[in-house]
N, C-alpha and C. Protein backbone atom coordinates (compact mmCIF):
# COMPACT_ATOMS: atom_id res chain seq x y z
N MET A 1 61.15 -25.67 -17.16
CA MET A 1 60.35 -24.54 -16.72
C MET A 1 58.95 -25.02 -16.33
N LYS A 2 58.35 -25.85 -17.18
CA LYS A 2 57.04 -26.36 -16.87
C LYS A 2 57.06 -27.20 -15.60
N ASN A 3 58.11 -27.97 -15.46
CA ASN A 3 58.25 -28.85 -14.31
C ASN A 3 58.36 -28.03 -13.02
N THR A 4 59.06 -26.89 -13.06
CA THR A 4 59.22 -26.03 -11.90
C THR A 4 57.89 -25.42 -11.49
N ILE A 5 57.13 -24.94 -12.45
CA ILE A 5 55.81 -24.34 -12.18
C ILE A 5 54.89 -25.39 -11.57
N TYR A 6 54.96 -26.59 -12.09
CA TYR A 6 54.14 -27.67 -11.57
C TYR A 6 54.50 -27.99 -10.13
N LYS A 7 55.80 -28.04 -9.83
CA LYS A 7 56.26 -28.33 -8.47
C LYS A 7 55.84 -27.21 -7.51
N LEU A 8 55.97 -25.97 -7.93
CA LEU A 8 55.56 -24.83 -7.08
C LEU A 8 54.06 -24.86 -6.81
N PHE A 9 53.29 -25.14 -7.81
CA PHE A 9 51.82 -25.21 -7.66
C PHE A 9 51.44 -26.34 -6.69
N THR A 10 52.08 -27.49 -6.80
CA THR A 10 51.80 -28.63 -5.93
C THR A 10 52.19 -28.28 -4.50
N LEU A 11 53.36 -27.66 -4.33
CA LEU A 11 53.83 -27.29 -3.00
C LEU A 11 52.87 -26.26 -2.36
N LEU A 12 52.43 -25.27 -3.11
CA LEU A 12 51.51 -24.24 -2.61
C LEU A 12 50.18 -24.84 -2.23
N THR A 13 49.67 -25.77 -3.03
CA THR A 13 48.41 -26.45 -2.71
C THR A 13 48.54 -27.25 -1.43
N PHE A 14 49.65 -27.94 -1.26
CA PHE A 14 49.89 -28.73 -0.06
C PHE A 14 49.98 -27.83 1.17
N VAL A 15 50.65 -26.68 1.08
CA VAL A 15 50.80 -25.77 2.22
C VAL A 15 49.43 -25.19 2.61
N VAL A 16 48.62 -24.79 1.64
CA VAL A 16 47.29 -24.24 1.90
C VAL A 16 46.40 -25.29 2.54
N ALA A 17 46.48 -26.51 2.09
CA ALA A 17 45.67 -27.60 2.66
C ALA A 17 46.05 -27.86 4.10
N LEU A 18 47.34 -27.83 4.40
CA LEU A 18 47.79 -28.07 5.78
C LEU A 18 47.39 -26.93 6.70
N THR A 19 47.52 -25.71 6.26
CA THR A 19 47.20 -24.57 7.13
C THR A 19 45.70 -24.39 7.32
N SER A 20 44.92 -24.87 6.39
CA SER A 20 43.48 -24.73 6.54
C SER A 20 42.89 -25.76 7.49
N CYS A 21 43.59 -26.84 7.72
CA CYS A 21 43.13 -27.86 8.66
C CYS A 21 43.61 -27.49 10.03
N SER A 22 42.71 -27.59 11.01
CA SER A 22 43.07 -27.22 12.37
C SER A 22 42.55 -28.28 13.33
N GLU A 23 43.29 -28.53 14.36
CA GLU A 23 42.86 -29.49 15.37
C GLU A 23 41.72 -28.93 16.20
N ASP A 24 41.78 -27.63 16.52
CA ASP A 24 40.80 -26.99 17.38
C ASP A 24 39.64 -26.47 16.48
N LYS A 25 38.51 -27.20 16.48
CA LYS A 25 37.38 -26.84 15.62
C LYS A 25 36.57 -25.67 16.20
N THR A 26 36.77 -25.33 17.47
CA THR A 26 36.01 -24.21 18.06
C THR A 26 36.66 -22.87 17.74
N LYS A 27 37.93 -22.89 17.44
CA LYS A 27 38.64 -21.65 17.11
C LYS A 27 38.47 -21.36 15.62
N PRO A 28 37.92 -20.20 15.27
CA PRO A 28 37.74 -19.91 13.85
C PRO A 28 39.07 -19.66 13.15
N THR A 29 39.11 -20.05 11.91
CA THR A 29 40.30 -19.79 11.11
C THR A 29 40.14 -18.41 10.48
N SER A 30 41.10 -18.01 9.72
CA SER A 30 41.02 -16.69 9.09
C SER A 30 39.87 -16.69 8.07
N ARG A 31 39.21 -15.56 7.98
CA ARG A 31 38.04 -15.45 7.11
C ARG A 31 38.23 -14.33 6.10
N TYR A 32 37.68 -14.58 4.95
CA TYR A 32 37.66 -13.55 3.92
C TYR A 32 36.43 -12.68 4.16
N MET A 33 36.61 -11.39 4.30
CA MET A 33 35.54 -10.44 4.60
C MET A 33 34.77 -10.84 5.85
N PRO A 34 35.36 -10.68 7.02
CA PRO A 34 34.70 -11.13 8.25
C PRO A 34 33.39 -10.43 8.56
N ASP A 35 33.19 -9.20 8.09
CA ASP A 35 31.94 -8.49 8.36
C ASP A 35 30.76 -9.17 7.71
N MET A 36 31.00 -10.00 6.73
CA MET A 36 29.90 -10.71 6.07
C MET A 36 29.40 -11.88 6.95
N TYR A 37 30.25 -12.36 7.85
CA TYR A 37 29.88 -13.47 8.74
C TYR A 37 29.10 -12.98 9.96
N THR A 38 29.56 -11.92 10.52
CA THR A 38 28.90 -11.36 11.72
C THR A 38 28.64 -9.89 11.48
N SER A 39 27.39 -9.57 11.24
CA SER A 39 27.05 -8.17 10.99
C SER A 39 26.79 -7.45 12.30
N VAL A 40 26.96 -6.15 12.27
CA VAL A 40 26.73 -5.35 13.46
C VAL A 40 25.24 -5.07 13.58
N ALA A 41 24.68 -5.36 14.74
CA ALA A 41 23.24 -5.12 14.95
C ALA A 41 23.04 -3.71 15.46
N TYR A 42 22.12 -2.99 14.86
CA TYR A 42 21.79 -1.63 15.27
C TYR A 42 20.38 -1.59 15.82
N GLU A 43 20.14 -0.76 16.78
CA GLU A 43 18.80 -0.54 17.30
C GLU A 43 18.12 0.51 16.43
N PRO A 44 16.83 0.32 16.08
CA PRO A 44 16.15 1.34 15.28
C PRO A 44 16.11 2.64 16.06
N TYR A 45 16.40 3.70 15.37
CA TYR A 45 16.43 5.06 15.94
C TYR A 45 17.39 5.16 17.12
N GLY A 46 18.36 4.26 17.21
CA GLY A 46 19.36 4.30 18.28
C GLY A 46 20.52 5.20 17.89
N GLU A 47 21.30 5.56 18.90
CA GLU A 47 22.46 6.41 18.65
C GLU A 47 23.54 5.61 17.96
N ASN A 48 24.14 6.22 16.94
CA ASN A 48 25.18 5.56 16.20
C ASN A 48 25.91 6.61 15.40
N ASN A 49 26.88 6.21 14.62
CA ASN A 49 27.64 7.18 13.85
C ASN A 49 27.39 7.05 12.35
N VAL A 50 26.27 6.47 11.95
CA VAL A 50 26.01 6.27 10.55
C VAL A 50 25.57 7.57 9.86
N LEU A 51 24.65 8.31 10.49
CA LEU A 51 24.18 9.57 9.94
C LEU A 51 24.82 10.74 10.67
N PRO A 52 24.89 11.90 10.01
CA PRO A 52 25.48 13.07 10.68
C PRO A 52 24.74 13.46 11.96
N SER A 53 23.45 13.13 12.08
CA SER A 53 22.67 13.50 13.27
C SER A 53 23.04 12.64 14.47
N GLY A 54 23.86 11.61 14.29
CA GLY A 54 24.22 10.73 15.37
C GLY A 54 23.26 9.56 15.55
N MET A 55 22.27 9.44 14.70
CA MET A 55 21.32 8.34 14.76
C MET A 55 21.59 7.39 13.60
N ASP A 56 21.19 6.14 13.71
CA ASP A 56 21.45 5.20 12.62
C ASP A 56 20.32 5.21 11.58
N SER A 57 19.18 5.81 11.89
CA SER A 57 18.12 6.02 10.91
C SER A 57 17.30 7.19 11.41
N GLN A 58 16.45 7.70 10.55
CA GLN A 58 15.68 8.86 10.97
C GLN A 58 14.26 8.74 10.45
N ALA A 59 13.35 9.38 11.16
CA ALA A 59 11.93 9.37 10.79
C ALA A 59 11.75 10.21 9.52
N PRO A 60 10.69 9.93 8.76
CA PRO A 60 10.45 10.73 7.56
C PRO A 60 10.22 12.20 7.89
N VAL A 61 10.57 13.04 6.98
CA VAL A 61 10.39 14.48 7.15
C VAL A 61 8.91 14.79 7.20
N SER A 62 8.53 15.77 7.98
CA SER A 62 7.13 16.18 8.10
C SER A 62 6.60 16.56 6.72
N GLY A 63 5.44 16.04 6.37
CA GLY A 63 4.81 16.35 5.08
C GLY A 63 5.28 15.45 3.95
N ALA A 64 6.12 14.45 4.25
CA ALA A 64 6.61 13.55 3.21
C ALA A 64 5.48 12.67 2.72
N ILE A 65 5.51 12.32 1.45
CA ILE A 65 4.49 11.47 0.84
C ILE A 65 5.15 10.19 0.40
N ALA A 66 4.54 9.07 0.73
CA ALA A 66 5.10 7.78 0.37
C ALA A 66 5.16 7.64 -1.16
N ARG A 67 6.16 6.91 -1.61
CA ARG A 67 6.35 6.71 -3.05
C ARG A 67 5.13 6.03 -3.66
N GLY A 68 4.63 6.56 -4.75
CA GLY A 68 3.47 5.98 -5.43
C GLY A 68 2.14 6.53 -4.93
N GLN A 69 2.15 7.33 -3.88
CA GLN A 69 0.92 7.87 -3.32
C GLN A 69 0.67 9.29 -3.86
N VAL A 70 -0.58 9.65 -3.96
CA VAL A 70 -0.97 10.98 -4.41
C VAL A 70 -1.71 11.65 -3.25
N PRO A 71 -1.31 12.85 -2.88
CA PRO A 71 -2.00 13.49 -1.75
C PRO A 71 -3.46 13.83 -2.09
N TYR A 72 -4.29 13.77 -1.08
CA TYR A 72 -5.70 14.12 -1.22
C TYR A 72 -5.88 15.47 -0.52
N ASP A 73 -6.26 16.47 -1.28
CA ASP A 73 -6.23 17.86 -0.82
C ASP A 73 -7.46 18.31 -0.06
N TYR A 74 -8.45 17.47 0.10
CA TYR A 74 -9.68 17.88 0.76
C TYR A 74 -9.71 17.32 2.18
N GLU A 75 -9.99 18.18 3.15
CA GLU A 75 -9.98 17.76 4.54
C GLU A 75 -11.26 17.02 4.90
N ASP A 76 -11.20 16.31 6.00
CA ASP A 76 -12.33 15.53 6.49
C ASP A 76 -13.25 16.44 7.31
N SER A 77 -14.05 17.22 6.61
CA SER A 77 -14.99 18.13 7.25
C SER A 77 -16.16 18.39 6.29
N ILE A 78 -17.17 19.08 6.77
CA ILE A 78 -18.31 19.42 5.90
C ILE A 78 -17.85 20.32 4.77
N ASP A 79 -16.97 21.27 5.07
CA ASP A 79 -16.45 22.16 4.03
C ASP A 79 -15.63 21.38 3.01
N GLY A 80 -14.83 20.41 3.48
CA GLY A 80 -14.06 19.57 2.57
C GLY A 80 -14.97 18.74 1.68
N TYR A 81 -16.05 18.22 2.25
CA TYR A 81 -17.02 17.43 1.49
C TYR A 81 -17.65 18.30 0.39
N GLU A 82 -18.09 19.50 0.76
CA GLU A 82 -18.72 20.40 -0.20
C GLU A 82 -17.74 20.83 -1.30
N ALA A 83 -16.49 21.09 -0.93
CA ALA A 83 -15.49 21.47 -1.92
C ALA A 83 -15.22 20.32 -2.88
N ALA A 84 -15.11 19.10 -2.36
CA ALA A 84 -14.89 17.93 -3.21
C ALA A 84 -16.10 17.71 -4.12
N LYS A 85 -17.28 17.92 -3.58
CA LYS A 85 -18.51 17.74 -4.35
C LYS A 85 -18.55 18.66 -5.55
N LYS A 86 -18.07 19.89 -5.38
CA LYS A 86 -18.10 20.88 -6.46
C LYS A 86 -16.93 20.77 -7.42
N LYS A 87 -15.74 20.48 -6.89
CA LYS A 87 -14.53 20.64 -7.71
C LYS A 87 -13.85 19.34 -8.14
N LEU A 88 -13.97 18.29 -7.35
CA LEU A 88 -13.18 17.09 -7.60
C LEU A 88 -13.74 16.29 -8.78
N LYS A 89 -12.87 16.00 -9.73
CA LYS A 89 -13.22 15.21 -10.92
C LYS A 89 -12.26 14.04 -11.04
N SER A 90 -12.71 13.00 -11.69
CA SER A 90 -11.89 11.80 -11.87
C SER A 90 -10.68 12.09 -12.77
N PRO A 91 -9.50 11.71 -12.33
CA PRO A 91 -8.32 11.88 -13.17
C PRO A 91 -8.17 10.79 -14.23
N LEU A 92 -8.99 9.74 -14.14
CA LEU A 92 -8.92 8.63 -15.09
C LEU A 92 -9.66 8.97 -16.36
N SER A 93 -9.08 8.58 -17.48
CA SER A 93 -9.75 8.79 -18.76
C SER A 93 -10.85 7.76 -18.95
N VAL A 94 -11.68 7.98 -19.93
CA VAL A 94 -12.77 7.05 -20.23
C VAL A 94 -12.21 5.66 -20.55
N HIS A 95 -11.05 5.63 -21.15
CA HIS A 95 -10.43 4.34 -21.51
C HIS A 95 -9.88 3.59 -20.30
N GLU A 96 -9.55 4.32 -19.24
CA GLU A 96 -9.02 3.67 -18.04
C GLU A 96 -10.11 3.16 -17.11
N LEU A 97 -11.31 3.71 -17.25
CA LEU A 97 -12.44 3.26 -16.40
C LEU A 97 -12.99 1.94 -16.92
N SER A 98 -13.21 1.02 -16.00
CA SER A 98 -13.74 -0.28 -16.38
C SER A 98 -14.99 -0.56 -15.55
N SER A 99 -16.14 -0.67 -16.22
CA SER A 99 -17.35 -0.93 -15.47
C SER A 99 -17.32 -2.31 -14.81
N GLU A 100 -16.61 -3.26 -15.41
CA GLU A 100 -16.52 -4.60 -14.83
C GLU A 100 -15.69 -4.57 -13.54
N LYS A 101 -14.60 -3.84 -13.57
CA LYS A 101 -13.77 -3.73 -12.36
C LYS A 101 -14.53 -2.99 -11.28
N GLY A 102 -15.19 -1.90 -11.65
CA GLY A 102 -15.98 -1.15 -10.68
C GLY A 102 -17.10 -1.99 -10.11
N LYS A 103 -17.75 -2.79 -10.94
CA LYS A 103 -18.82 -3.66 -10.47
C LYS A 103 -18.29 -4.72 -9.50
N SER A 104 -17.13 -5.26 -9.83
CA SER A 104 -16.52 -6.27 -8.96
C SER A 104 -16.16 -5.68 -7.59
N LEU A 105 -15.54 -4.50 -7.59
CA LEU A 105 -15.17 -3.85 -6.33
C LEU A 105 -16.41 -3.44 -5.54
N TYR A 106 -17.43 -2.96 -6.24
CA TYR A 106 -18.69 -2.59 -5.59
C TYR A 106 -19.31 -3.83 -4.92
N GLY A 107 -19.24 -4.96 -5.61
CA GLY A 107 -19.76 -6.20 -5.04
C GLY A 107 -19.03 -6.64 -3.78
N ILE A 108 -17.75 -6.33 -3.70
CA ILE A 108 -16.97 -6.71 -2.53
C ILE A 108 -17.22 -5.77 -1.36
N TYR A 109 -17.20 -4.47 -1.61
CA TYR A 109 -17.18 -3.49 -0.53
C TYR A 109 -18.52 -2.80 -0.27
N CYS A 110 -19.39 -2.71 -1.22
CA CYS A 110 -20.56 -1.82 -1.08
C CYS A 110 -21.91 -2.54 -1.05
N VAL A 111 -22.02 -3.66 -1.75
CA VAL A 111 -23.32 -4.29 -1.97
C VAL A 111 -23.97 -4.77 -0.66
N VAL A 112 -23.18 -5.09 0.35
CA VAL A 112 -23.77 -5.58 1.59
C VAL A 112 -24.66 -4.53 2.27
N CYS A 113 -24.35 -3.27 2.08
CA CYS A 113 -25.19 -2.21 2.65
C CYS A 113 -26.07 -1.54 1.61
N HIS A 114 -25.47 -1.16 0.47
CA HIS A 114 -26.17 -0.33 -0.53
C HIS A 114 -27.01 -1.15 -1.51
N GLY A 115 -26.82 -2.45 -1.56
CA GLY A 115 -27.60 -3.29 -2.47
C GLY A 115 -27.01 -3.36 -3.86
N LYS A 116 -27.43 -4.36 -4.62
CA LYS A 116 -26.89 -4.55 -5.97
C LYS A 116 -27.28 -3.43 -6.91
N LYS A 117 -28.42 -2.81 -6.68
CA LYS A 117 -28.90 -1.75 -7.56
C LYS A 117 -28.59 -0.34 -7.03
N GLY A 118 -28.04 -0.26 -5.83
CA GLY A 118 -27.77 1.04 -5.22
C GLY A 118 -29.02 1.65 -4.59
N ASP A 119 -29.99 0.79 -4.28
CA ASP A 119 -31.26 1.28 -3.73
C ASP A 119 -31.29 1.25 -2.21
N GLY A 120 -30.14 0.96 -1.57
CA GLY A 120 -30.07 0.95 -0.12
C GLY A 120 -30.67 -0.31 0.50
N GLN A 121 -30.85 -1.34 -0.27
CA GLN A 121 -31.45 -2.57 0.20
C GLN A 121 -30.43 -3.73 0.14
N GLY A 122 -29.33 -3.54 0.83
CA GLY A 122 -28.31 -4.57 0.88
C GLY A 122 -28.67 -5.67 1.86
N TYR A 123 -27.79 -6.68 1.94
CA TYR A 123 -28.05 -7.83 2.80
C TYR A 123 -28.18 -7.42 4.26
N LEU A 124 -27.37 -6.52 4.72
CA LEU A 124 -27.41 -6.09 6.11
C LEU A 124 -28.66 -5.28 6.41
N VAL A 125 -29.14 -4.53 5.45
CA VAL A 125 -30.38 -3.76 5.64
C VAL A 125 -31.57 -4.71 5.69
N LYS A 126 -31.60 -5.68 4.81
CA LYS A 126 -32.69 -6.65 4.80
C LYS A 126 -32.76 -7.45 6.09
N ARG A 127 -31.61 -7.67 6.71
CA ARG A 127 -31.57 -8.42 7.98
C ARG A 127 -31.69 -7.47 9.18
N GLU A 128 -31.95 -6.21 8.90
CA GLU A 128 -32.14 -5.15 9.90
C GLU A 128 -30.94 -4.98 10.83
N LYS A 129 -29.73 -5.17 10.26
CA LYS A 129 -28.51 -4.90 11.02
C LYS A 129 -28.18 -3.40 10.98
N PHE A 130 -28.45 -2.77 9.85
CA PHE A 130 -28.31 -1.33 9.68
C PHE A 130 -29.59 -0.82 9.09
N LEU A 131 -30.00 0.34 9.53
CA LEU A 131 -31.20 0.96 8.96
C LEU A 131 -30.83 2.35 8.44
N GLY A 132 -31.56 2.80 7.44
CA GLY A 132 -31.35 4.14 6.92
C GLY A 132 -30.21 4.28 5.93
N ILE A 133 -29.85 3.20 5.24
CA ILE A 133 -28.83 3.30 4.21
C ILE A 133 -29.43 4.05 3.03
N PRO A 134 -28.76 5.09 2.54
CA PRO A 134 -29.38 5.91 1.51
C PRO A 134 -29.49 5.22 0.14
N ASN A 135 -30.53 5.60 -0.56
CA ASN A 135 -30.73 5.20 -1.94
C ASN A 135 -29.98 6.23 -2.79
N TYR A 136 -29.22 5.78 -3.77
CA TYR A 136 -28.45 6.73 -4.60
C TYR A 136 -29.38 7.70 -5.34
N LYS A 137 -30.56 7.26 -5.65
CA LYS A 137 -31.52 8.09 -6.39
C LYS A 137 -31.94 9.31 -5.55
N ASP A 138 -32.02 9.17 -4.25
CA ASP A 138 -32.48 10.23 -3.38
C ASP A 138 -31.39 11.21 -2.98
N ARG A 139 -30.18 10.98 -3.38
CA ARG A 139 -29.04 11.80 -2.96
C ARG A 139 -28.57 12.71 -4.07
N ASP A 140 -28.13 13.90 -3.67
CA ASP A 140 -27.49 14.83 -4.59
C ASP A 140 -25.99 14.56 -4.50
N ILE A 141 -25.52 13.64 -5.33
CA ILE A 141 -24.11 13.23 -5.26
C ILE A 141 -23.42 13.49 -6.58
N THR A 142 -22.13 13.75 -6.50
CA THR A 142 -21.29 13.91 -7.67
C THR A 142 -20.12 12.94 -7.53
N GLU A 143 -19.31 12.87 -8.57
CA GLU A 143 -18.16 11.97 -8.45
C GLU A 143 -17.21 12.42 -7.34
N GLY A 144 -17.09 13.71 -7.13
CA GLY A 144 -16.26 14.22 -6.05
C GLY A 144 -16.78 13.86 -4.68
N SER A 145 -18.10 13.95 -4.48
CA SER A 145 -18.66 13.63 -3.16
C SER A 145 -18.57 12.13 -2.89
N ILE A 146 -18.75 11.32 -3.90
CA ILE A 146 -18.64 9.86 -3.71
C ILE A 146 -17.20 9.50 -3.34
N TYR A 147 -16.24 10.09 -4.04
CA TYR A 147 -14.84 9.82 -3.75
C TYR A 147 -14.49 10.26 -2.34
N HIS A 148 -14.99 11.43 -1.94
CA HIS A 148 -14.71 11.96 -0.60
C HIS A 148 -15.26 10.99 0.48
N VAL A 149 -16.45 10.48 0.27
CA VAL A 149 -17.03 9.55 1.24
C VAL A 149 -16.21 8.24 1.28
N LEU A 150 -15.72 7.78 0.12
CA LEU A 150 -14.87 6.59 0.11
C LEU A 150 -13.56 6.86 0.86
N MET A 151 -13.05 8.07 0.75
CA MET A 151 -11.79 8.41 1.44
C MET A 151 -11.97 8.49 2.96
N TYR A 152 -13.00 9.21 3.42
CA TYR A 152 -13.14 9.47 4.85
C TYR A 152 -14.32 8.77 5.51
N GLY A 153 -15.28 8.30 4.76
CA GLY A 153 -16.48 7.73 5.34
C GLY A 153 -17.47 8.83 5.69
N LYS A 154 -18.68 8.41 6.02
CA LYS A 154 -19.70 9.39 6.40
C LYS A 154 -20.76 8.67 7.22
N ASN A 155 -21.16 9.29 8.31
CA ASN A 155 -22.13 8.69 9.24
C ASN A 155 -21.67 7.29 9.67
N LEU A 156 -22.49 6.26 9.43
CA LEU A 156 -22.09 4.88 9.82
C LEU A 156 -21.08 4.27 8.88
N MET A 157 -20.96 4.81 7.68
CA MET A 157 -20.02 4.23 6.70
C MET A 157 -18.60 4.64 7.04
N GLY A 158 -17.74 3.67 7.18
CA GLY A 158 -16.34 3.95 7.46
C GLY A 158 -15.56 4.24 6.18
N SER A 159 -14.34 4.67 6.37
CA SER A 159 -13.44 4.98 5.26
C SER A 159 -13.03 3.68 4.55
N HIS A 160 -12.90 3.77 3.24
CA HIS A 160 -12.41 2.63 2.46
C HIS A 160 -11.04 2.96 1.83
N SER A 161 -10.39 4.00 2.31
CA SER A 161 -9.12 4.42 1.72
C SER A 161 -8.01 3.40 1.96
N SER A 162 -8.11 2.62 3.03
CA SER A 162 -7.05 1.63 3.28
C SER A 162 -7.30 0.34 2.50
N GLN A 163 -8.55 0.10 2.07
CA GLN A 163 -8.84 -1.14 1.33
C GLN A 163 -8.72 -0.96 -0.18
N LEU A 164 -8.96 0.26 -0.66
CA LEU A 164 -8.97 0.50 -2.09
C LEU A 164 -7.87 1.48 -2.48
N THR A 165 -7.21 1.21 -3.59
CA THR A 165 -6.22 2.16 -4.09
C THR A 165 -6.95 3.34 -4.71
N ARG A 166 -6.19 4.35 -5.05
CA ARG A 166 -6.77 5.55 -5.66
C ARG A 166 -7.56 5.20 -6.92
N GLU A 167 -6.95 4.39 -7.80
CA GLU A 167 -7.61 4.02 -9.05
C GLU A 167 -8.85 3.16 -8.79
N GLU A 168 -8.77 2.28 -7.83
CA GLU A 168 -9.92 1.43 -7.51
C GLU A 168 -11.08 2.27 -6.97
N ARG A 169 -10.77 3.29 -6.16
CA ARG A 169 -11.83 4.16 -5.66
C ARG A 169 -12.54 4.87 -6.82
N TRP A 170 -11.77 5.29 -7.80
CA TRP A 170 -12.40 5.96 -8.96
C TRP A 170 -13.22 4.98 -9.79
N GLN A 171 -12.80 3.72 -9.83
CA GLN A 171 -13.60 2.68 -10.53
C GLN A 171 -14.95 2.52 -9.82
N VAL A 172 -14.93 2.48 -8.50
CA VAL A 172 -16.17 2.36 -7.71
C VAL A 172 -17.04 3.59 -7.93
N VAL A 173 -16.44 4.77 -7.93
CA VAL A 173 -17.20 6.02 -8.17
C VAL A 173 -17.91 5.94 -9.51
N ASN A 174 -17.21 5.49 -10.53
CA ASN A 174 -17.80 5.38 -11.87
C ASN A 174 -18.98 4.42 -11.85
N TYR A 175 -18.84 3.29 -11.15
CA TYR A 175 -19.92 2.31 -11.10
C TYR A 175 -21.11 2.83 -10.31
N VAL A 176 -20.87 3.54 -9.20
CA VAL A 176 -21.96 4.12 -8.42
C VAL A 176 -22.74 5.13 -9.26
N GLN A 177 -22.04 5.91 -10.07
CA GLN A 177 -22.74 6.85 -10.94
C GLN A 177 -23.58 6.12 -11.97
N THR A 178 -23.09 5.00 -12.47
CA THR A 178 -23.88 4.19 -13.41
C THR A 178 -25.14 3.68 -12.73
N LEU A 179 -25.02 3.18 -11.50
CA LEU A 179 -26.18 2.70 -10.75
C LEU A 179 -27.18 3.85 -10.51
N ARG A 180 -26.67 5.00 -10.17
CA ARG A 180 -27.55 6.14 -9.90
C ARG A 180 -28.32 6.54 -11.16
N ASN A 181 -27.61 6.58 -12.28
CA ASN A 181 -28.27 6.91 -13.54
C ASN A 181 -29.34 5.88 -13.89
N ASN A 182 -29.10 4.61 -13.60
CA ASN A 182 -30.12 3.58 -13.85
C ASN A 182 -31.34 3.75 -12.95
N LEU A 183 -31.12 4.18 -11.72
CA LEU A 183 -32.24 4.41 -10.79
C LEU A 183 -33.05 5.64 -11.19
N LEU A 184 -32.40 6.64 -11.77
CA LEU A 184 -33.10 7.85 -12.15
C LEU A 184 -33.95 7.67 -13.41
N LYS A 185 -33.74 6.63 -14.18
CA LYS A 185 -34.49 6.40 -15.42
C LYS A 185 -35.91 6.01 -15.11
């Protein structure tokens, strides 16, 4: 019995070895799961039968929010600025705010114009590249108004919403308030 199984196994191995060898190397042999070798290429937003709409992919639904993003409910207008100034508060707890992180981010994005102390005497102002950068002490600002300006920008200052995450913007807001309080003393 053992001898028969051994002979059958040897014969099967020999047959598989012979059939897998081919003289014509340009002709492909049989493949296991051929779709894995050559995938079907689809055109983005092209017609196909993958989705019920007849398209192979579809654009996001109007009003969709990207995963991990939080919508900002204040519009880019004077009314939006005033509403944010009155109502918008930091969602971060005191334990989540880090003055070191805020200081680091402020040093990267803000110090060139607003200065290390928030007095409007940054490197670009001293070199007379920009004039009229406000001193935090002279402004009636709240955490909501600072955040709104970081989101949309104001006057010559552009938006920083693409450079800073939501949490990082709140860290900068916290540090700007610290600078303002130091200037008011």
